[in-house]
Amino acid sequence: MAANKCFYCTKSGHHAKDCHKKLVDQNQNTGRAAVTDTGVTKPPEITFNITADNMANFLKDSINTINPDLKLSIIEKILPMGFLMGPN
């Protein structure tokens, strides 16, 4: 305290209640947009845990809310060409 160092980052010139690193760390932990050390705001990182079961359940639950063109687009992107046609 006598050296006027922050108890959070240990740098001198400010106190923990005014610590920029503490603010950045807290924002990253809460999922809010964080101010980086350069002062630039960046969005929180989002990770997805998509399994085949999660995707199947989502499609089952929302199939009636998706317009027909989007349904076809999803099917074309997921299934290989000719999958629905069966063997020749």
PDB file of N, CA and C in Angstrom:
ATOM      1  N   MET A   1       0.818  -1.176   0.000  1.00  0.00           N
ATOM      2  CA  MET A   1       0.000   0.000   0.000  1.00  0.00           C
ATOM      3  C   MET A   1       0.875   1.258   0.000  1.00  0.00           C
ATOM      4  N   ALA A   2       1.956   1.207   0.754  1.00  0.00           N
ATOM      5  CA  ALA A   2       2.853   2.362   0.819  1.00  0.00           C
ATOM      6  C   ALA A   2       3.491   2.621  -0.542  1.00  0.00           C
ATOM      7  N   ALA A   3       3.686   1.575  -1.360  1.00  0.00           N
ATOM      8  CA  ALA A   3       4.298   1.725  -2.680  1.00  0.00           C
ATOM      9  C   ALA A   3       3.266   2.133  -3.729  1.00  0.00           C
ATOM     10  N   ASN A   4       2.000   2.325  -3.318  1.00  0.00           N
ATOM     11  CA  ASN A   4       0.913   2.712  -4.213  1.00  0.00           C
ATOM     12  C   ASN A   4       0.730   1.713  -5.353  1.00  0.00           C
ATOM     13  N   LYS A   5       0.797   0.408  -4.985  1.00  0.00           N
ATOM     14  CA  LYS A   5       0.608  -0.642  -5.974  1.00  0.00           C
ATOM     15  C   LYS A   5      -0.788  -1.226  -5.852  1.00  0.00           C
ATOM     16  N   CYS A   6      -1.309  -1.651  -6.988  1.00  0.00           N
ATOM     17  CA  CYS A   6      -2.616  -2.282  -7.045  1.00  0.00           C
ATOM     18  C   CYS A   6      -2.537  -3.672  -6.415  1.00  0.00           C
ATOM     19  N   PHE A   7      -3.506  -4.009  -5.573  1.00  0.00           N
ATOM     20  CA  PHE A   7      -3.530  -5.331  -4.965  1.00  0.00           C
ATOM     21  C   PHE A   7      -3.976  -6.400  -5.961  1.00  0.00           C
ATOM     22  N   TYR A   8      -4.557  -5.997  -7.094  1.00  0.00           N
ATOM     23  CA  TYR A   8      -5.029  -6.974  -8.081  1.00  0.00           C
ATOM     24  C   TYR A   8      -3.937  -7.333  -9.083  1.00  0.00           C
ATOM     25  N   CYS A   9      -3.371  -6.331  -9.761  1.00  0.00           N
ATOM     26  CA  CYS A   9      -2.373  -6.621 -10.803  1.00  0.00           C
ATOM     27  C   CYS A   9      -0.939  -6.325 -10.368  1.00  0.00           C
ATOM     28  N   THR A  10      -0.766  -5.738  -9.223  1.00  0.00           N
ATOM     29  CA  THR A  10       0.515  -5.378  -8.596  1.00  0.00           C
ATOM     30  C   THR A  10       1.276  -4.271  -9.323  1.00  0.00           C
ATOM     31  N   LYS A  11       0.636  -3.589 -10.273  1.00  0.00           N
ATOM     32  CA  LYS A  11       1.281  -2.449 -10.924  1.00  0.00           C
ATOM     33  C   LYS A  11       1.042  -1.203 -10.084  1.00  0.00           C
ATOM     34  N   SER A  12       1.968  -0.261 -10.167  1.00  0.00           N
ATOM     35  CA  SER A  12       1.828   0.950  -9.373  1.00  0.00           C
ATOM     36  C   SER A  12       1.024   2.006 -10.133  1.00  0.00           C
ATOM     37  N   GLY A  13       0.496   2.964  -9.376  1.00  0.00           N
ATOM     38  CA  GLY A  13      -0.201   4.085  -9.981  1.00  0.00           C
ATOM     39  C   GLY A  13      -1.719   4.038  -9.873  1.00  0.00           C
ATOM     40  N   HIS A  14      -2.270   2.945  -9.383  1.00  0.00           N
ATOM     41  CA  HIS A  14      -3.719   2.852  -9.196  1.00  0.00           C
ATOM     42  C   HIS A  14      -4.029   1.826  -8.114  1.00  0.00           C
ATOM     43  N   HIS A  15      -5.290   1.799  -7.718  1.00  0.00           N
ATOM     44  CA  HIS A  15      -5.734   0.839  -6.700  1.00  0.00           C
ATOM     45  C   HIS A  15      -6.624  -0.206  -7.358  1.00  0.00           C
ATOM     46  N   ALA A  16      -6.877  -1.305  -6.651  1.00  0.00           N
ATOM     47  CA  ALA A  16      -7.649  -2.429  -7.202  1.00  0.00           C
ATOM     48  C   ALA A  16      -9.025  -1.996  -7.687  1.00  0.00           C
ATOM     49  N   LYS A  17      -9.666  -1.048  -6.990  1.00  0.00           N
ATOM     50  CA  LYS A  17     -11.005  -0.625  -7.407  1.00  0.00           C
ATOM     51  C   LYS A  17     -10.985   0.087  -8.760  1.00  0.00           C
ATOM     52  N   ASP A  18      -9.836   0.590  -9.195  1.00  0.00           N
ATOM     53  CA  ASP A  18      -9.699   1.277 -10.476  1.00  0.00           C
ATOM     54  C   ASP A  18      -8.887   0.472 -11.486  1.00  0.00           C
ATOM     55  N   CYS A  19      -8.633  -0.798 -11.205  1.00  0.00           N
ATOM     56  CA  CYS A  19      -7.740  -1.615 -12.019  1.00  0.00           C
ATOM     57  C   CYS A  19      -8.382  -2.008 -13.350  1.00  0.00           C
ATOM     58  N   HIS A  20      -7.732  -1.647 -14.426  1.00  0.00           N
ATOM     59  CA  HIS A  20      -8.224  -1.969 -15.766  1.00  0.00           C
ATOM     60  C   HIS A  20      -8.189  -3.479 -16.013  1.00  0.00           C
ATOM     61  N   LYS A  21      -7.136  -4.145 -15.579  1.00  0.00           N
ATOM     62  CA  LYS A  21      -7.033  -5.599 -15.757  1.00  0.00           C
ATOM     63  C   LYS A  21      -8.147  -6.317 -15.003  1.00  0.00           C
ATOM     64  N   LYS A  22      -8.487  -5.848 -13.834  1.00  0.00           N
ATOM     65  CA  LYS A  22      -9.567  -6.446 -13.060  1.00  0.00           C
ATOM     66  C   LYS A  22     -10.893  -6.320 -13.809  1.00  0.00           C
ATOM     67  N   LEU A  23     -11.144  -5.165 -14.406  1.00  0.00           N
ATOM     68  CA  LEU A  23     -12.366  -4.943 -15.180  1.00  0.00           C
ATOM     69  C   LEU A  23     -12.426  -5.892 -16.375  1.00  0.00           C
ATOM     70  N   VAL A  24     -11.322  -6.029 -17.090  1.00  0.00           N
ATOM     71  CA  VAL A  24     -11.256  -6.933 -18.241  1.00  0.00           C
ATOM     72  C   VAL A  24     -11.518  -8.372 -17.805  1.00  0.00           C
ATOM     73  N   ASP A  25     -10.857  -8.790 -16.735  1.00  0.00           N
ATOM     74  CA  ASP A  25     -11.035 -10.160 -16.237  1.00  0.00           C
ATOM     75  C   ASP A  25     -12.472 -10.417 -15.784  1.00  0.00           C
ATOM     76  N   GLN A  26     -13.068  -9.474 -15.097  1.00  0.00           N
ATOM     77  CA  GLN A  26     -14.448  -9.635 -14.644  1.00  0.00           C
ATOM     78  C   GLN A  26     -15.411  -9.722 -15.821  1.00  0.00           C
ATOM     79  N   ASN A  27     -15.217  -8.910 -16.839  1.00  0.00           N
ATOM     80  CA  ASN A  27     -16.091  -8.932 -18.011  1.00  0.00           C
ATOM     81  C   ASN A  27     -15.969 -10.242 -18.767  1.00  0.00           C
ATOM     82  N   GLN A  28     -14.769 -10.790 -18.841  1.00  0.00           N
ATOM     83  CA  GLN A  28     -14.589 -12.072 -19.522  1.00  0.00           C
ATOM     84  C   GLN A  28     -15.271 -13.192 -18.748  1.00  0.00           C
ATOM     85  N   ASN A  29     -15.255 -13.121 -17.448  1.00  0.00           N
ATOM     86  CA  ASN A  29     -15.869 -14.169 -16.628  1.00  0.00           C
ATOM     87  C   ASN A  29     -17.387 -14.092 -16.621  1.00  0.00           C
ATOM     88  N   THR A  30     -17.962 -12.929 -16.889  1.00  0.00           N
ATOM     89  CA  THR A  30     -19.421 -12.797 -16.857  1.00  0.00           C
ATOM     90  C   THR A  30     -20.029 -12.969 -18.237  1.00  0.00           C
ATOM     91  N   GLY A  31     -19.212 -13.078 -19.289  1.00  0.00           N
ATOM     92  CA  GLY A  31     -19.737 -13.268 -20.633  1.00  0.00           C
ATOM     93  C   GLY A  31     -20.108 -11.969 -21.322  1.00  0.00           C
ATOM     94  N   ARG A  32     -19.859 -10.841 -20.684  1.00  0.00           N
ATOM     95  CA  ARG A  32     -20.154  -9.558 -21.320  1.00  0.00           C
ATOM     96  C   ARG A  32     -18.989  -9.165 -22.215  1.00  0.00           C
ATOM     97  N   ALA A  33     -19.222  -8.199 -23.083  1.00  0.00           N
ATOM     98  CA  ALA A  33     -18.145  -7.685 -23.921  1.00  0.00           C
ATOM     99  C   ALA A  33     -17.072  -7.108 -23.010  1.00  0.00           C
ATOM    100  N   ALA A  34     -15.833  -7.321 -23.355  1.00  0.00           N
ATOM    101  CA  ALA A  34     -14.725  -6.890 -22.509  1.00  0.00           C
ATOM    102  C   ALA A  34     -13.904  -5.815 -23.196  1.00  0.00           C
ATOM    103  N   VAL A  35     -13.355  -4.908 -22.403  1.00  0.00           N
ATOM    104  CA  VAL A  35     -12.434  -3.906 -22.909  1.00  0.00           C
ATOM    105  C   VAL A  35     -11.046  -4.493 -22.790  1.00  0.00           C
ATOM    106  N   THR A  36     -10.333  -4.579 -23.899  1.00  0.00           N
ATOM    107  CA  THR A  36      -9.003  -5.187 -23.887  1.00  0.00           C
ATOM    108  C   THR A  36      -7.982  -4.203 -23.356  1.00  0.00           C
ATOM    109  N   ASP A  37      -6.749  -4.658 -23.208  1.00  0.00           N
ATOM    110  CA  ASP A  37      -5.679  -3.784 -22.714  1.00  0.00           C
ATOM    111  C   ASP A  37      -5.449  -2.591 -23.637  1.00  0.00           C
ATOM    112  N   THR A  38      -5.818  -2.714 -24.911  1.00  0.00           N
ATOM    113  CA  THR A  38      -5.638  -1.602 -25.843  1.00  0.00           C
ATOM    114  C   THR A  38      -6.834  -0.661 -25.826  1.00  0.00           C
ATOM    115  N   GLY A  39      -7.861  -0.996 -25.028  1.00  0.00           N
ATOM    116  CA  GLY A  39      -9.042  -0.151 -24.940  1.00  0.00           C
ATOM    117  C   GLY A  39     -10.107  -0.499 -25.961  1.00  0.00           C
ATOM    118  N   VAL A  40      -9.866  -1.513 -26.795  1.00  0.00           N
ATOM    119  CA  VAL A  40     -10.818  -1.918 -27.818  1.00  0.00           C
ATOM    120  C   VAL A  40     -11.803  -2.909 -27.211  1.00  0.00           C
ATOM    121  N   THR A  41     -13.083  -2.697 -27.464  1.00  0.00           N
ATOM    122  CA  THR A  41     -14.093  -3.611 -26.947  1.00  0.00           C
ATOM    123  C   THR A  41     -14.190  -4.811 -27.868  1.00  0.00           C
ATOM    124  N   LYS A  42     -14.171  -6.006 -27.292  1.00  0.00           N
ATOM    125  CA  LYS A  42     -14.323  -7.214 -28.090  1.00  0.00           C
ATOM    126  C   LYS A  42     -15.494  -8.010 -27.538  1.00  0.00           C
ATOM    127  N   PRO A  43     -16.212  -8.707 -28.397  1.00  0.00           N
ATOM    128  CA  PRO A  43     -17.353  -9.484 -27.921  1.00  0.00           C
ATOM    129  C   PRO A  43     -16.881 -10.689 -27.122  1.00  0.00           C
ATOM    130  N   PRO A  44     -17.741 -11.211 -26.236  1.00  0.00           N
ATOM    131  CA  PRO A  44     -17.349 -12.402 -25.493  1.00  0.00           C
ATOM    132  C   PRO A  44     -17.233 -13.591 -26.421  1.00  0.00           C
ATOM    133  N   GLU A  45     -16.348 -14.516 -26.073  1.00  0.00           N
ATOM    134  CA  GLU A  45     -16.197 -15.715 -26.889  1.00  0.00           C
ATOM    135  C   GLU A  45     -17.374 -16.642 -26.632  1.00  0.00           C
ATOM    136  N   ILE A  46     -17.911 -17.193 -27.693  1.00  0.00           N
ATOM    137  CA  ILE A  46     -19.040 -18.102 -27.584  1.00  0.00           C
ATOM    138  C   ILE A  46     -18.603 -19.463 -28.085  1.00  0.00           C
ATOM    139  N   THR A  47     -18.844 -20.469 -27.295  1.00  0.00           N
ATOM    140  CA  THR A  47     -18.527 -21.821 -27.719  1.00  0.00           C
ATOM    141  C   THR A  47     -19.818 -22.619 -27.803  1.00  0.00           C
ATOM    142  N   PHE A  48     -19.851 -23.532 -28.715  1.00  0.00           N
ATOM    143  CA  PHE A  48     -21.019 -24.363 -28.904  1.00  0.00           C
ATOM    144  C   PHE A  48     -20.638 -25.817 -28.678  1.00  0.00           C
ATOM    145  N   ASN A  49     -21.520 -26.538 -28.040  1.00  0.00           N
ATOM    146  CA  ASN A  49     -21.330 -27.963 -27.857  1.00  0.00           C
ATOM    147  C   ASN A  49     -22.465 -28.651 -28.597  1.00  0.00           C
ATOM    148  N   ILE A  50     -22.313 -28.796 -29.903  1.00  0.00           N
ATOM    149  CA  ILE A  50     -23.362 -29.374 -30.724  1.00  0.00           C
ATOM    150  C   ILE A  50     -23.071 -30.850 -30.941  1.00  0.00           C
ATOM    151  N   THR A  51     -23.993 -31.667 -30.483  1.00  0.00           N
ATOM    152  CA  THR A  51     -23.900 -33.100 -30.715  1.00  0.00           C
ATOM    153  C   THR A  51     -24.991 -33.481 -31.707  1.00  0.00           C
ATOM    154  N   ALA A  52     -24.917 -34.677 -32.219  1.00  0.00           N
ATOM    155  CA  ALA A  52     -25.949 -35.148 -33.144  1.00  0.00           C
ATOM    156  C   ALA A  52     -27.310 -35.140 -32.459  1.00  0.00           C
ATOM    157  N   ASP A  53     -27.353 -35.528 -31.187  1.00  0.00           N
ATOM    158  CA  ASP A  53     -28.619 -35.528 -30.448  1.00  0.00           C
ATOM    159  C   ASP A  53     -29.161 -34.113 -30.261  1.00  0.00           C
ATOM    160  N   ASN A  54     -28.276 -33.162 -29.911  1.00  0.00           N
ATOM    161  CA  ASN A  54     -28.710 -31.769 -29.760  1.00  0.00           C
ATOM    162  C   ASN A  54     -29.284 -31.226 -31.058  1.00  0.00           C
ATOM    163  N   MET A  55     -28.599 -31.501 -32.165  1.00  0.00           N
ATOM    164  CA  MET A  55     -29.061 -31.003 -33.459  1.00  0.00           C
ATOM    165  C   MET A  55     -30.389 -31.652 -33.838  1.00  0.00           C
ATOM    166  N   ALA A  56     -30.509 -32.961 -33.644  1.00  0.00           N
ATOM    167  CA  ALA A  56     -31.751 -33.669 -33.967  1.00  0.00           C
ATOM    168  C   ALA A  56     -32.912 -33.125 -33.139  1.00  0.00           C
ATOM    169  N   ASN A  57     -32.681 -32.916 -31.854  1.00  0.00           N
ATOM    170  CA  ASN A  57     -33.738 -32.379 -30.991  1.00  0.00           C
ATOM    171  C   ASN A  57     -34.132 -30.971 -31.399  1.00  0.00           C
ATOM    172  N   PHE A  58     -33.147 -30.146 -31.739  1.00  0.00           N
ATOM    173  CA  PHE A  58     -33.453 -28.790 -32.195  1.00  0.00           C
ATOM    174  C   PHE A  58     -34.314 -28.825 -33.460  1.00  0.00           C
ATOM    175  N   LEU A  59     -33.929 -29.654 -34.420  1.00  0.00           N
ATOM    176  CA  LEU A  59     -34.695 -29.724 -35.667  1.00  0.00           C
ATOM    177  C   LEU A  59     -36.107 -30.263 -35.427  1.00  0.00           C
ATOM    178  N   LYS A  60     -36.241 -31.265 -34.583  1.00  0.00           N
ATOM    179  CA  LYS A  60     -37.577 -31.803 -34.262  1.00  0.00           C
ATOM    180  C   LYS A  60     -38.451 -30.733 -33.618  1.00  0.00           C
ATOM    181  N   ASP A  61     -37.870 -29.986 -32.687  1.00  0.00           N
ATOM    182  CA  ASP A  61     -38.631 -28.977 -31.951  1.00  0.00           C
ATOM    183  C   ASP A  61     -39.008 -27.769 -32.802  1.00  0.00           C
ATOM    184  N   SER A  62     -38.197 -27.445 -33.799  1.00  0.00           N
ATOM    185  CA  SER A  62     -38.428 -26.201 -34.538  1.00  0.00           C
ATOM    186  C   SER A  62     -38.774 -26.411 -36.006  1.00  0.00           C
ATOM    187  N   ILE A  63     -38.982 -27.642 -36.434  1.00  0.00           N
ATOM    188  CA  ILE A  63     -39.214 -27.916 -37.854  1.00  0.00           C
ATOM    189  C   ILE A  63     -40.424 -27.168 -38.403  1.00  0.00           C
ATOM    190  N   ASN A  64     -41.445 -26.977 -37.595  1.00  0.00           N
ATOM    191  CA  ASN A  64     -42.650 -26.298 -38.070  1.00  0.00           C
ATOM    192  C   ASN A  64     -42.513 -24.784 -38.113  1.00  0.00           C
ATOM    193  N   THR A  65     -41.455 -24.252 -37.553  1.00  0.00           N
ATOM    194  CA  THR A  65     -41.257 -22.804 -37.562  1.00  0.00           C
ATOM    195  C   THR A  65     -40.301 -22.367 -38.673  1.00  0.00           C
ATOM    196  N   ILE A  66     -39.690 -23.326 -39.365  1.00  0.00           N
ATOM    197  CA  ILE A  66     -38.718 -23.022 -40.423  1.00  0.00           C
ATOM    198  C   ILE A  66     -39.442 -22.993 -41.764  1.00  0.00           C
ATOM    199  N   ASN A  67     -39.169 -21.958 -42.567  1.00  0.00           N
ATOM    200  CA  ASN A  67     -39.849 -21.880 -43.864  1.00  0.00           C
ATOM    201  C   ASN A  67     -39.321 -22.963 -44.802  1.00  0.00           C
ATOM    202  N   PRO A  68     -40.118 -23.391 -45.784  1.00  0.00           N
ATOM    203  CA  PRO A  68     -39.757 -24.521 -46.657  1.00  0.00           C
ATOM    204  C   PRO A  68     -38.425 -24.353 -47.391  1.00  0.00           C
ATOM    205  N   ASP A  69     -38.107 -23.133 -47.838  1.00  0.00           N
ATOM    206  CA  ASP A  69     -36.840 -22.926 -48.540  1.00  0.00           C
ATOM    207  C   ASP A  69     -35.647 -23.157 -47.615  1.00  0.00           C
ATOM    208  N   LEU A  70     -35.764 -22.703 -46.374  1.00  0.00           N
ATOM    209  CA  LEU A  70     -34.683 -22.903 -45.420  1.00  0.00           C
ATOM    210  C   LEU A  70     -34.550 -24.381 -45.060  1.00  0.00           C
ATOM    211  N   LYS A  71     -35.680 -25.089 -44.919  1.00  0.00           N
ATOM    212  CA  LYS A  71     -35.636 -26.536 -44.658  1.00  0.00           C
ATOM    213  C   LYS A  71     -34.845 -27.249 -45.748  1.00  0.00           C
ATOM    214  N   LEU A  72     -35.163 -26.936 -46.999  1.00  0.00           N
ATOM    215  CA  LEU A  72     -34.472 -27.559 -48.122  1.00  0.00           C
ATOM    216  C   LEU A  72     -32.987 -27.224 -48.108  1.00  0.00           C
ATOM    217  N   SER A  73     -32.659 -25.991 -47.808  1.00  0.00           N
ATOM    218  CA  SER A  73     -31.260 -25.568 -47.751  1.00  0.00           C
ATOM    219  C   SER A  73     -30.501 -26.345 -46.663  1.00  0.00           C
ATOM    220  N   ILE A  74     -31.128 -26.517 -45.501  1.00  0.00           N
ATOM    221  CA  ILE A  74     -30.492 -27.270 -44.408  1.00  0.00           C
ATOM    222  C   ILE A  74     -30.266 -28.714 -44.826  1.00  0.00           C
ATOM    223  N   ILE A  75     -31.281 -29.321 -45.423  1.00  0.00           N
ATOM    224  CA  ILE A  75     -31.168 -30.715 -45.856  1.00  0.00           C
ATOM    225  C   ILE A  75     -30.053 -30.871 -46.882  1.00  0.00           C
ATOM    226  N   GLU A  76     -29.984 -29.952 -47.844  1.00  0.00           N
ATOM    227  CA  GLU A  76     -28.948 -30.032 -48.884  1.00  0.00           C
ATOM    228  C   GLU A  76     -27.551 -29.894 -48.299  1.00  0.00           C
ATOM    229  N   LYS A  77     -27.400 -29.099 -47.243  1.00  0.00           N
ATOM    230  CA  LYS A  77     -26.079 -28.894 -46.641  1.00  0.00           C
ATOM    231  C   LYS A  77     -25.675 -30.050 -45.725  1.00  0.00           C
ATOM    232  N   ILE A  78     -26.654 -30.709 -45.124  1.00  0.00           N
ATOM    233  CA  ILE A  78     -26.345 -31.790 -44.185  1.00  0.00           C
ATOM    234  C   ILE A  78     -26.160 -33.128 -44.888  1.00  0.00           C
ATOM    235  N   LEU A  79     -27.059 -33.445 -45.807  1.00  0.00           N
ATOM    236  CA  LEU A  79     -27.053 -34.758 -46.445  1.00  0.00           C
ATOM    237  C   LEU A  79     -26.259 -34.746 -47.742  1.00  0.00           C
ATOM    238  N   PRO A  80     -25.527 -35.811 -48.042  1.00  0.00           N
ATOM    239  CA  PRO A  80     -24.796 -35.863 -49.303  1.00  0.00           C
ATOM    240  C   PRO A  80     -25.769 -36.001 -50.478  1.00  0.00           C
ATOM    241  N   MET A  81     -25.323 -35.575 -51.649  1.00  0.00           N
ATOM    242  CA  MET A  81     -26.136 -35.649 -52.863  1.00  0.00           C
ATOM    243  C   MET A  81     -26.616 -37.080 -53.095  1.00  0.00           C
ATOM    244  N   GLY A  82     -27.881 -37.253 -53.338  1.00  0.00           N
ATOM    245  CA  GLY A  82     -28.443 -38.556 -53.626  1.00  0.00           C
ATOM    246  C   GLY A  82     -28.795 -39.378 -52.412  1.00  0.00           C
ATOM    247  N   PHE A  83     -28.590 -38.876 -51.216  1.00  0.00           N
ATOM    248  CA  PHE A  83     -28.850 -39.628 -49.987  1.00  0.00           C
ATOM    249  C   PHE A  83     -30.315 -40.061 -49.893  1.00  0.00           C
ATOM    250  N   LEU A  84     -31.213 -39.163 -50.222  1.00  0.00           N
ATOM    251  CA  LEU A  84     -32.635 -39.482 -50.113  1.00  0.00           C
ATOM    252  C   LEU A  84     -33.143 -40.341 -51.262  1.00  0.00           C
ATOM    253  N   MET A  85     -32.380 -40.431 -52.338  1.00  0.00           N
ATOM    254  CA  MET A  85     -32.792 -41.190 -53.500  1.00  0.00           C
ATOM    255  C   MET A  85     -32.637 -42.704 -53.276  1.00  0.00           C
ATOM    256  N   GLY A  86     -31.730 -43.086 -52.414  1.00  0.00           N
ATOM    257  CA  GLY A  86     -31.488 -44.505 -52.171  1.00  0.00           C
ATOM    258  C   GLY A  86     -30.577 -45.091 -53.243  1.00  0.00           C
ATOM    259  N   PRO A  87     -30.234 -46.367 -53.092  1.00  0.00           N
ATOM    260  CA  PRO A  87     -29.342 -47.010 -54.076  1.00  0.00           C
ATOM    261  C   PRO A  87     -30.055 -47.187 -55.413  1.00  0.00           C
ATOM    262  N   ASN A  88     -29.297 -47.150 -56.478  1.00  0.00           N
ATOM    263  CA  ASN A  88     -29.876 -47.320 -57.822  1.00  0.00           C
ATOM    264  C   ASN A  88     -30.057 -48.760 -58.157  1.00  0.00           C
TER     265      ASN A  88
END
